[in-house]
Amino acid sequence: MSREPLYAARMAYCGPRGIPLSVFLGWAQADQDAALAWVGYEARRCSSCGYHPDEGPRHAHIDVCPGCVSREAAAQDEDAKVRGAHVHMASGTTGECDRCVTTAAANAGR
């Protein structure tokens, strides 16, 4: 793909959106040009913080998400350090979660 920059640009737009290339090529030329311009514009955006050099100065705020705090705490647990373990959020409290209640009951018998 790197030898064909136009193909790469088209696929950078179409691929992540699930748009078949044949459908994209059926769009009006102005629409294709706008989509490719958008890809080029967004490619300059920082993937970490979202800053874009054309959007002027920015400053940072700190927000603490209780879900992220909980997930990061769980990630420090010994069980989470096993290769292949994934930490994800579940709805409700641990007392309302069937999996948590079952696990707690099983561990209480140890």
N, C-alpha and C. Protein backbone atom coordinates (compact mmCIF):
# COMPACT_ATOMS: atom_id res chain seq x y z
N MET A 1 0.82 -1.20 0.00
CA MET A 1 0.00 0.00 0.00
C MET A 1 0.86 1.26 0.00
N SER A 2 2.03 1.22 0.62
CA SER A 2 2.83 2.44 0.72
C SER A 2 3.27 2.96 -0.65
N ARG A 3 3.30 2.09 -1.67
CA ARG A 3 3.69 2.53 -3.01
C ARG A 3 2.55 3.25 -3.71
N GLU A 4 1.35 3.11 -3.19
CA GLU A 4 0.19 3.75 -3.80
C GLU A 4 -0.49 4.63 -2.74
N PRO A 5 -0.03 5.87 -2.58
CA PRO A 5 -0.56 6.72 -1.52
C PRO A 5 -2.06 7.01 -1.63
N LEU A 6 -2.59 7.12 -2.85
CA LEU A 6 -4.02 7.39 -3.00
C LEU A 6 -4.83 6.20 -2.51
N TYR A 7 -4.40 4.99 -2.86
CA TYR A 7 -5.09 3.78 -2.39
C TYR A 7 -5.03 3.72 -0.86
N ALA A 8 -3.86 4.00 -0.29
CA ALA A 8 -3.70 3.97 1.16
C ALA A 8 -4.62 4.99 1.83
N ALA A 9 -4.71 6.18 1.26
CA ALA A 9 -5.57 7.22 1.83
C ALA A 9 -7.04 6.81 1.75
N ARG A 10 -7.42 6.25 0.62
CA ARG A 10 -8.81 5.78 0.49
C ARG A 10 -9.14 4.71 1.52
N MET A 11 -8.22 3.75 1.69
CA MET A 11 -8.46 2.67 2.63
C MET A 11 -8.40 3.16 4.08
N ALA A 12 -7.59 4.19 4.34
CA ALA A 12 -7.54 4.77 5.69
C ALA A 12 -8.89 5.35 6.07
N TYR A 13 -9.62 5.83 5.08
CA TYR A 13 -10.97 6.34 5.33
C TYR A 13 -11.99 5.21 5.34
N CYS A 14 -11.96 4.37 4.33
CA CYS A 14 -13.00 3.34 4.16
C CYS A 14 -12.88 2.19 5.16
N GLY A 15 -11.68 1.68 5.35
CA GLY A 15 -11.48 0.49 6.16
C GLY A 15 -12.08 0.57 7.56
N PRO A 16 -11.71 1.58 8.36
CA PRO A 16 -12.24 1.66 9.72
C PRO A 16 -13.75 1.87 9.78
N ARG A 17 -14.32 2.39 8.72
CA ARG A 17 -15.76 2.66 8.70
C ARG A 17 -16.56 1.53 8.04
N GLY A 18 -15.86 0.54 7.53
CA GLY A 18 -16.55 -0.58 6.89
C GLY A 18 -17.19 -0.22 5.56
N ILE A 19 -16.65 0.79 4.91
CA ILE A 19 -17.20 1.22 3.61
C ILE A 19 -16.44 0.47 2.52
N PRO A 20 -17.12 -0.33 1.72
CA PRO A 20 -16.42 -1.00 0.62
C PRO A 20 -15.79 0.04 -0.31
N LEU A 21 -14.57 -0.25 -0.75
CA LEU A 21 -13.89 0.68 -1.64
C LEU A 21 -14.71 0.95 -2.89
N SER A 22 -15.38 -0.07 -3.40
CA SER A 22 -16.19 0.12 -4.62
C SER A 22 -17.32 1.12 -4.37
N VAL A 23 -17.88 1.12 -3.17
CA VAL A 23 -18.94 2.08 -2.83
C VAL A 23 -18.35 3.48 -2.75
N PHE A 24 -17.21 3.60 -2.07
CA PHE A 24 -16.54 4.89 -1.95
C PHE A 24 -16.21 5.47 -3.33
N LEU A 25 -15.72 4.64 -4.22
CA LEU A 25 -15.37 5.11 -5.56
C LEU A 25 -16.60 5.53 -6.36
N GLY A 26 -17.79 5.11 -5.92
CA GLY A 26 -19.02 5.52 -6.56
C GLY A 26 -19.52 6.88 -6.07
N TRP A 27 -18.89 7.41 -5.03
CA TRP A 27 -19.28 8.72 -4.52
C TRP A 27 -18.87 9.80 -5.52
N ALA A 28 -19.52 10.95 -5.42
CA ALA A 28 -19.11 12.10 -6.23
C ALA A 28 -17.67 12.46 -5.87
N GLN A 29 -16.92 12.96 -6.83
CA GLN A 29 -15.51 13.29 -6.61
C GLN A 29 -15.34 14.28 -5.46
N ALA A 30 -16.24 15.26 -5.35
CA ALA A 30 -16.13 16.25 -4.27
C ALA A 30 -16.28 15.56 -2.90
N ASP A 31 -17.14 14.55 -2.81
CA ASP A 31 -17.33 13.82 -1.56
C ASP A 31 -16.09 12.99 -1.23
N GLN A 32 -15.52 12.36 -2.24
CA GLN A 32 -14.28 11.60 -2.01
C GLN A 32 -13.17 12.53 -1.54
N ASP A 33 -13.04 13.67 -2.21
CA ASP A 33 -11.99 14.64 -1.84
C ASP A 33 -12.17 15.13 -0.41
N ALA A 34 -13.42 15.39 -0.02
CA ALA A 34 -13.69 15.86 1.35
C ALA A 34 -13.33 14.78 2.36
N ALA A 35 -13.66 13.53 2.07
CA ALA A 35 -13.35 12.43 2.98
C ALA A 35 -11.84 12.27 3.13
N LEU A 36 -11.11 12.34 2.03
CA LEU A 36 -9.66 12.20 2.08
C LEU A 36 -9.00 13.39 2.76
N ALA A 37 -9.56 14.57 2.59
CA ALA A 37 -9.05 15.75 3.29
C ALA A 37 -9.24 15.58 4.79
N TRP A 38 -10.38 15.01 5.18
CA TRP A 38 -10.66 14.76 6.60
C TRP A 38 -9.65 13.78 7.18
N VAL A 39 -9.33 12.72 6.45
CA VAL A 39 -8.34 11.74 6.91
C VAL A 39 -7.00 12.44 7.14
N GLY A 40 -6.61 13.29 6.18
CA GLY A 40 -5.34 14.01 6.32
C GLY A 40 -5.35 14.95 7.51
N TYR A 41 -6.47 15.62 7.71
CA TYR A 41 -6.61 16.54 8.85
C TYR A 41 -6.51 15.77 10.17
N GLU A 42 -7.26 14.69 10.28
CA GLU A 42 -7.28 13.91 11.52
C GLU A 42 -5.97 13.20 11.79
N ALA A 43 -5.19 12.91 10.75
CA ALA A 43 -3.90 12.26 10.93
C ALA A 43 -2.93 13.14 11.72
N ARG A 44 -3.17 14.43 11.72
CA ARG A 44 -2.32 15.36 12.47
C ARG A 44 -2.75 15.51 13.92
N ARG A 45 -3.88 14.91 14.29
CA ARG A 45 -4.38 14.98 15.67
C ARG A 45 -3.60 14.01 16.55
N CYS A 46 -3.24 14.44 17.75
CA CYS A 46 -2.54 13.57 18.69
C CYS A 46 -3.49 12.46 19.15
N SER A 47 -3.05 11.23 19.00
CA SER A 47 -3.90 10.10 19.39
C SER A 47 -4.00 9.96 20.90
N SER A 48 -3.12 10.61 21.63
CA SER A 48 -3.15 10.51 23.09
C SER A 48 -4.08 11.54 23.72
N CYS A 49 -3.92 12.81 23.36
CA CYS A 49 -4.70 13.86 24.03
C CYS A 49 -5.74 14.52 23.15
N GLY A 50 -5.71 14.26 21.84
CA GLY A 50 -6.69 14.85 20.94
C GLY A 50 -6.32 16.24 20.43
N TYR A 51 -5.15 16.76 20.81
CA TYR A 51 -4.73 18.08 20.35
C TYR A 51 -4.52 18.07 18.83
N HIS A 52 -4.95 19.15 18.20
CA HIS A 52 -4.70 19.34 16.76
C HIS A 52 -4.07 20.71 16.59
N PRO A 53 -2.96 20.80 15.84
CA PRO A 53 -2.25 22.08 15.72
C PRO A 53 -3.08 23.19 15.08
N ASP A 54 -4.10 22.86 14.32
CA ASP A 54 -4.93 23.89 13.69
C ASP A 54 -6.03 24.41 14.60
N GLU A 55 -6.19 23.83 15.77
CA GLU A 55 -7.31 24.19 16.64
C GLU A 55 -6.91 25.12 17.78
N GLY A 56 -5.70 25.67 17.74
CA GLY A 56 -5.28 26.65 18.72
C GLY A 56 -4.81 26.06 20.02
N PRO A 57 -4.47 26.94 20.95
CA PRO A 57 -3.91 26.49 22.23
C PRO A 57 -4.94 25.72 23.06
N ARG A 58 -4.44 24.83 23.87
CA ARG A 58 -5.26 24.02 24.77
C ARG A 58 -4.61 24.00 26.14
N HIS A 59 -5.38 23.63 27.12
CA HIS A 59 -4.84 23.38 28.45
C HIS A 59 -5.51 22.13 29.00
N ALA A 60 -4.99 21.61 30.07
CA ALA A 60 -5.48 20.33 30.59
C ALA A 60 -6.32 20.52 31.85
N HIS A 61 -7.34 19.70 31.97
CA HIS A 61 -8.13 19.56 33.19
C HIS A 61 -7.94 18.13 33.67
N ILE A 62 -8.06 17.93 34.93
CA ILE A 62 -7.98 16.57 35.47
C ILE A 62 -9.36 16.17 35.94
N ASP A 63 -9.85 15.09 35.38
CA ASP A 63 -11.12 14.49 35.78
C ASP A 63 -10.81 13.10 36.31
N VAL A 64 -11.41 12.76 37.42
CA VAL A 64 -11.22 11.43 37.98
C VAL A 64 -12.50 10.64 37.76
N CYS A 65 -12.37 9.54 37.05
CA CYS A 65 -13.51 8.68 36.76
C CYS A 65 -13.53 7.55 37.79
N PRO A 66 -14.62 7.42 38.56
CA PRO A 66 -14.68 6.35 39.55
C PRO A 66 -14.55 4.96 38.93
N GLY A 67 -15.05 4.78 37.72
CA GLY A 67 -14.92 3.50 37.04
C GLY A 67 -13.47 3.18 36.73
N CYS A 68 -12.73 4.18 36.25
CA CYS A 68 -11.31 3.96 35.94
C CYS A 68 -10.51 3.69 37.22
N VAL A 69 -10.86 4.38 38.30
CA VAL A 69 -10.18 4.15 39.58
C VAL A 69 -10.40 2.70 40.00
N SER A 70 -11.63 2.23 39.89
CA SER A 70 -11.95 0.86 40.25
C SER A 70 -11.23 -0.13 39.35
N ARG A 71 -11.23 0.14 38.05
CA ARG A 71 -10.57 -0.77 37.10
C ARG A 71 -9.07 -0.82 37.34
N GLU A 72 -8.45 0.33 37.59
CA GLU A 72 -7.01 0.34 37.84
C GLU A 72 -6.67 -0.35 39.15
N ALA A 73 -7.53 -0.22 40.15
CA ALA A 73 -7.30 -0.93 41.41
C ALA A 73 -7.39 -2.43 41.19
N ALA A 74 -8.37 -2.86 40.41
CA ALA A 74 -8.52 -4.29 40.11
C ALA A 74 -7.32 -4.81 39.33
N ALA A 75 -6.75 -3.97 38.47
CA ALA A 75 -5.61 -4.38 37.66
C ALA A 75 -4.38 -4.65 38.52
N GLN A 76 -4.34 -4.09 39.72
CA GLN A 76 -3.22 -4.30 40.63
C GLN A 76 -3.36 -5.61 41.41
N ASP A 77 -4.53 -6.21 41.37
CA ASP A 77 -4.79 -7.47 42.06
C ASP A 77 -3.93 -8.58 41.46
N GLU A 78 -3.49 -9.51 42.27
CA GLU A 78 -2.65 -10.62 41.79
C GLU A 78 -3.33 -11.41 40.68
N ASP A 79 -4.65 -11.61 40.76
CA ASP A 79 -5.37 -12.37 39.72
C ASP A 79 -5.28 -11.68 38.37
N ALA A 80 -5.20 -10.35 38.37
CA ALA A 80 -5.15 -9.59 37.13
C ALA A 80 -3.77 -9.64 36.49
N LYS A 81 -2.77 -10.08 37.23
CA LYS A 81 -1.40 -10.11 36.70
C LYS A 81 -1.09 -11.40 35.95
N VAL A 82 -2.07 -12.29 35.86
CA VAL A 82 -1.91 -13.54 35.12
C VAL A 82 -1.94 -13.22 33.63
N ARG A 83 -1.04 -13.80 32.88
CA ARG A 83 -1.01 -13.56 31.43
C ARG A 83 -2.37 -13.90 30.82
N GLY A 84 -2.88 -12.98 30.03
CA GLY A 84 -4.17 -13.18 29.38
C GLY A 84 -5.35 -12.65 30.17
N ALA A 85 -5.11 -12.18 31.40
CA ALA A 85 -6.21 -11.65 32.21
C ALA A 85 -6.62 -10.28 31.66
N HIS A 86 -7.92 -10.01 31.69
CA HIS A 86 -8.46 -8.72 31.25
C HIS A 86 -9.31 -8.15 32.36
N VAL A 87 -9.15 -6.88 32.62
CA VAL A 87 -9.97 -6.20 33.60
C VAL A 87 -11.01 -5.40 32.84
N HIS A 88 -12.28 -5.61 33.14
CA HIS A 88 -13.35 -4.85 32.49
C HIS A 88 -14.37 -4.44 33.54
N MET A 89 -15.17 -3.48 33.18
CA MET A 89 -16.18 -2.97 34.10
C MET A 89 -17.48 -3.76 33.92
N ALA A 90 -18.16 -3.99 35.04
CA ALA A 90 -19.46 -4.66 35.03
C ALA A 90 -20.46 -3.70 35.68
N SER A 91 -21.71 -3.78 35.28
CA SER A 91 -22.70 -2.85 35.81
C SER A 91 -23.09 -3.22 37.24
N GLY A 92 -23.54 -2.24 37.99
CA GLY A 92 -24.01 -2.45 39.35
C GLY A 92 -22.88 -2.56 40.35
N THR A 93 -23.24 -2.92 41.58
CA THR A 93 -22.26 -3.09 42.64
C THR A 93 -21.84 -4.55 42.71
N THR A 94 -20.78 -4.83 43.46
CA THR A 94 -20.35 -6.22 43.60
C THR A 94 -21.42 -7.05 44.30
N GLY A 95 -22.21 -6.43 45.16
CA GLY A 95 -23.27 -7.16 45.85
C GLY A 95 -24.45 -7.50 44.94
N GLU A 96 -24.56 -6.80 43.80
CA GLU A 96 -25.64 -7.05 42.85
C GLU A 96 -25.19 -7.94 41.69
N CYS A 97 -23.91 -8.21 41.60
CA CYS A 97 -23.34 -8.95 40.47
C CYS A 97 -23.32 -10.45 40.78
N ASP A 98 -24.01 -11.23 39.95
CA ASP A 98 -24.06 -12.68 40.15
C ASP A 98 -22.66 -13.29 40.19
N ARG A 99 -21.79 -12.87 39.30
CA ARG A 99 -20.43 -13.41 39.25
C ARG A 99 -19.67 -13.08 40.52
N CYS A 100 -19.76 -11.84 41.00
CA CYS A 100 -19.05 -11.44 42.21
C CYS A 100 -19.59 -12.16 43.44
N VAL A 101 -20.90 -12.28 43.51
CA VAL A 101 -21.53 -12.96 44.65
C VAL A 101 -21.09 -14.44 44.68
N THR A 102 -21.12 -15.08 43.53
CA THR A 102 -20.72 -16.49 43.43
C THR A 102 -19.24 -16.66 43.81
N THR A 103 -18.39 -15.77 43.29
CA THR A 103 -16.96 -15.85 43.60
C THR A 103 -16.70 -15.61 45.08
N ALA A 104 -17.37 -14.61 45.65
CA ALA A 104 -17.19 -14.32 47.07
C ALA A 104 -17.63 -15.50 47.93
N ALA A 105 -18.73 -16.13 47.55
CA ALA A 105 -19.23 -17.29 48.32
C ALA A 105 -18.24 -18.45 48.21
N ALA A 106 -17.69 -18.68 47.04
CA ALA A 106 -16.72 -19.76 46.85
C ALA A 106 -15.44 -19.48 47.64
N ASN A 107 -15.01 -18.24 47.67
CA ASN A 107 -13.79 -17.87 48.41
C ASN A 107 -13.99 -17.88 49.90
N ALA A 108 -15.22 -17.68 50.35
CA ALA A 108 -15.51 -17.68 51.80
C ALA A 108 -15.30 -19.07 52.38
N GLY A 109 -15.47 -20.09 51.58
CA GLY A 109 -15.31 -21.46 52.04
C GLY A 109 -13.87 -21.90 52.12
N ARG A 110 -12.93 -21.11 51.69
CA ARG A 110 -11.50 -21.49 51.70
C ARG A 110 -10.88 -21.36 53.04
